[in-house]
Structure formats: C-alpha cells, structure tokens
Amino acid sequence: MASSRHGPSIKDDDTYEALREDGASKQKAARIANAQANDSQHPSSKGGKKPSYDEWTRDELYRRARELDIDGRSSMSKDQLITALRDT
C-alpha cells in the first residue's frame, strides 16, 4: 500500500483533502475517506436518507446536539447549531 501524506490512519488522501477543503472536520473527513478506500463499504449509497440540517427545526437540531453533547448548545441559534453539528 502506498504511504499516506496524512499518516497511516488516512487511507484515501485525495478524498480526505477534498472533504477538508469543503469544510468537513478532520474526524468526518477521515471516516469518509477511509470508508471509500475500503472495498467492502459503500458510503455514497448509505447517505442521503434524512433531510438536510437546514430543513430541521431549531428544537430538532437542539435535541441532536444534546445527543452528541455539544457544549454551549442551549444558547446557539439555528445556524450555529447546524455549524456545530456539521463540525462533529
């Protein structure tokens, strides 16, 4: 296997870098890049089942942020909650 520019934990550097440039967190980019590099996983066919966070109400976003234990969630606006959820 070729060496990775981001270390051995990242299996698909190009996908990782593209996701980071689009604003994905390091953890999210790594999960997606590694899933795409794994022949037994098909991440592109798994996603897209739920509506975009933009379509959720603030209360729905708050409940999801509470599930993920996002700090400061009670004082966040809808847009701030969306940003925080996308960064996790």
Protein backbone atom coordinates (compact mmCIF):
# COMPACT_ATOMS: atom_id res chain seq x y z
CA MET A 1 0.00 0.00 0.00
CA ALA A 2 1.32 3.48 -0.85
CA SER A 3 2.30 5.71 2.01
CA SER A 4 -0.21 8.33 3.05
CA ARG A 5 0.55 12.04 3.18
CA HIS A 6 -1.61 12.22 6.31
CA GLY A 7 -0.22 9.21 8.10
CA PRO A 8 -1.30 5.58 8.21
CA SER A 9 -4.75 6.34 9.64
CA ILE A 10 -5.91 8.04 6.40
CA LYS A 11 -6.43 5.56 3.57
CA ASP A 12 -7.50 7.94 0.76
CA ASP A 13 -5.58 11.24 0.84
CA ASP A 14 -7.31 12.86 -2.13
CA THR A 15 -10.80 12.29 -0.72
CA TYR A 16 -9.65 13.45 2.73
CA GLU A 17 -8.18 16.67 1.35
CA ALA A 18 -11.27 17.42 -0.77
CA LEU A 19 -13.55 16.96 2.23
CA ARG A 20 -11.37 19.18 4.42
CA GLU A 21 -11.40 21.90 1.72
CA ASP A 22 -15.22 21.67 1.70
CA GLY A 23 -15.27 22.30 5.45
CA ALA A 24 -15.58 18.79 6.90
CA SER A 25 -13.97 18.21 10.28
CA LYS A 26 -10.80 16.12 10.42
CA GLN A 27 -12.71 13.23 12.01
CA LYS A 28 -15.54 13.29 9.48
CA ALA A 29 -13.15 13.57 6.53
CA ALA A 30 -11.10 10.64 7.85
CA ARG A 31 -14.20 8.44 8.34
CA ILE A 32 -15.46 9.09 4.83
CA ALA A 33 -12.06 8.79 3.15
CA ASN A 34 -11.34 5.51 4.91
CA ALA A 35 -14.78 4.11 4.11
CA GLN A 36 -14.34 4.94 0.43
CA ALA A 37 -10.94 3.26 0.41
CA ASN A 38 -12.49 0.07 1.84
CA ASP A 39 -13.94 -2.15 -0.93
CA SER A 40 -16.48 -3.71 1.44
CA GLN A 41 -18.09 -0.34 2.27
CA HIS A 42 -20.17 1.87 0.00
CA PRO A 43 -20.53 5.23 1.78
CA SER A 44 -22.06 7.06 -1.17
CA SER A 45 -25.02 4.68 -1.24
CA LYS A 46 -25.57 4.87 2.54
CA GLY A 47 -26.08 8.60 2.92
CA GLY A 48 -28.91 10.89 1.98
CA LYS A 49 -31.72 9.18 3.86
CA LYS A 50 -32.51 12.10 6.17
CA PRO A 51 -33.28 15.69 5.24
CA SER A 52 -30.55 18.30 5.37
CA TYR A 53 -29.99 20.03 8.72
CA ASP A 54 -31.29 23.19 7.02
CA GLU A 55 -34.73 21.58 6.94
CA TRP A 56 -34.75 20.66 10.64
CA THR A 57 -36.37 22.89 13.25
CA ARG A 58 -34.22 24.51 15.93
CA ASP A 59 -35.72 22.14 18.51
CA GLU A 60 -34.77 19.09 16.42
CA LEU A 61 -31.25 20.45 15.99
CA TYR A 62 -31.01 21.15 19.73
CA ARG A 63 -32.08 17.58 20.59
CA ARG A 64 -29.45 16.18 18.21
CA ALA A 65 -26.80 18.49 19.69
CA ARG A 66 -27.79 17.25 23.15
CA GLU A 67 -27.39 13.62 21.99
CA LEU A 68 -23.87 14.49 20.81
CA ASP A 69 -23.13 16.51 23.98
CA ILE A 70 -22.20 19.68 22.09
CA ASP A 71 -21.12 22.38 24.55
CA GLY A 72 -22.98 25.70 24.51
CA ARG A 73 -25.93 24.31 22.57
CA SER A 74 -28.61 26.00 24.71
CA SER A 75 -27.53 29.50 23.66
CA MET A 76 -26.94 28.68 19.97
CA SER A 77 -29.09 29.90 17.11
CA LYS A 78 -30.34 27.51 14.45
CA ASP A 79 -27.43 28.41 12.14
CA GLN A 80 -24.91 27.93 14.96
CA LEU A 81 -26.40 24.53 15.81
CA ILE A 82 -26.15 23.47 12.16
CA THR A 83 -22.50 24.52 12.04
CA ALA A 84 -21.70 22.72 15.31
CA LEU A 85 -23.43 19.54 14.15
CA ARG A 86 -21.65 19.56 10.80
CA ASP A 87 -18.30 20.00 12.54
CA THR A 88 -18.72 16.89 14.69
